[in-house]
Amino acid sequence: MDAPVFYEGSGVWHVNASPTMRSLGAVLQHPDLTVIIQPDEGSDLAGIATGPYPSLQDAMDVIAVHLAGDCGYARRKRYP
């Protein structure tokens, strides 16, 4: 399963399942700039090692392995 990650602001990234866009959880940045994965209850991220991880990229790599898919930054549509 693929999982796009959407930046929500203030050190919070939301993780959704693709293509359904069902919520899987969030990645949260701590004041020391490490990040943790916070799975939604009952989501496919249940049982993942939550961290802390040194970077968002490291957390996305762990999510990709856990889901046996890709995990990366979501592409948002740009409007003129």
Protein backbone atom coordinates (compact mmCIF):
# COMPACT_ATOMS: atom_id res chain seq x y z
CA MET A 1 0.00 0.00 0.00
CA ASP A 2 1.26 3.46 -0.83
CA ALA A 3 0.98 6.29 1.68
CA PRO A 4 1.26 9.95 0.72
CA VAL A 5 2.29 12.32 3.51
CA PHE A 6 0.63 15.76 3.72
CA TYR A 7 2.25 18.64 5.61
CA GLU A 8 -0.32 20.10 8.01
CA GLY A 9 1.93 22.73 9.63
CA SER A 10 3.77 23.14 12.94
CA GLY A 11 5.65 19.85 12.76
CA VAL A 12 2.67 17.68 11.83
CA TRP A 13 2.39 15.50 8.71
CA HIS A 14 -0.73 13.44 8.00
CA VAL A 15 -0.39 9.96 6.49
CA ASN A 16 -3.15 8.61 4.23
CA ALA A 17 -3.64 5.36 2.33
CA SER A 18 -3.51 5.61 -1.43
CA PRO A 19 -5.72 5.54 -3.46
CA THR A 20 -8.54 5.55 -0.87
CA MET A 21 -7.08 8.48 1.14
CA ARG A 22 -8.15 6.72 4.34
CA SER A 23 -6.32 8.17 7.36
CA LEU A 24 -3.48 6.00 8.65
CA GLY A 25 -2.02 8.35 11.26
CA ALA A 26 0.45 11.18 11.62
CA VAL A 27 4.14 11.94 11.91
CA LEU A 28 4.87 14.44 14.68
CA GLN A 29 8.03 16.48 15.17
CA HIS A 30 9.38 16.92 18.70
CA PRO A 31 11.17 20.07 19.93
CA ASP A 32 14.52 18.24 19.53
CA LEU A 33 13.62 17.83 15.79
CA THR A 34 13.20 14.05 15.99
CA VAL A 35 9.91 12.65 14.72
CA ILE A 36 7.55 9.92 15.86
CA ILE A 37 4.88 7.98 14.00
CA GLN A 38 1.45 8.10 15.60
CA PRO A 39 -0.78 5.45 13.96
CA ASP A 40 -4.55 5.81 13.97
CA GLU A 41 -6.29 3.16 16.04
CA GLY A 42 -6.99 0.11 13.89
CA SER A 43 -5.12 1.45 10.87
CA ASP A 44 -2.62 -0.45 8.75
CA LEU A 45 0.16 1.35 10.65
CA ALA A 46 -0.76 -0.53 13.85
CA GLY A 47 2.29 -2.32 15.21
CA ILE A 48 4.83 -0.04 13.51
CA ALA A 49 7.90 1.03 15.48
CA THR A 50 6.88 4.57 16.43
CA GLY A 51 10.38 6.00 16.85
CA PRO A 52 11.79 8.51 17.55
CA TYR A 53 13.46 8.89 14.14
CA PRO A 54 16.11 11.47 13.25
CA SER A 55 14.17 12.82 10.27
CA LEU A 56 10.86 12.77 8.44
CA GLN A 57 12.53 10.86 5.59
CA ASP A 58 13.60 8.12 8.00
CA ALA A 59 10.04 7.85 9.34
CA MET A 60 8.64 7.70 5.78
CA ASP A 61 11.11 4.93 4.93
CA VAL A 62 9.91 2.89 7.92
CA ILE A 63 6.27 3.47 6.92
CA ALA A 64 7.04 2.30 3.36
CA VAL A 65 8.64 -0.91 4.61
CA HIS A 66 5.80 -1.55 7.08
CA LEU A 67 3.16 -1.11 4.36
CA ALA A 68 5.21 -2.85 1.63
CA GLY A 69 4.72 0.17 -0.63
CA ASP A 70 5.87 3.71 -1.19
CA CYS A 71 5.66 6.60 1.26
CA GLY A 72 6.50 10.13 0.21
CA TYR A 73 5.44 13.75 0.11
CA ALA A 74 1.98 14.28 -1.35
CA ARG A 75 1.76 16.29 -4.50
CA ARG A 76 -0.69 19.09 -4.06
CA LYS A 77 -2.39 20.63 -7.05
CA ARG A 78 -1.22 24.13 -7.85
CA TYR A 79 -3.71 26.62 -9.11
CA PRO A 80 -2.76 29.68 -11.16
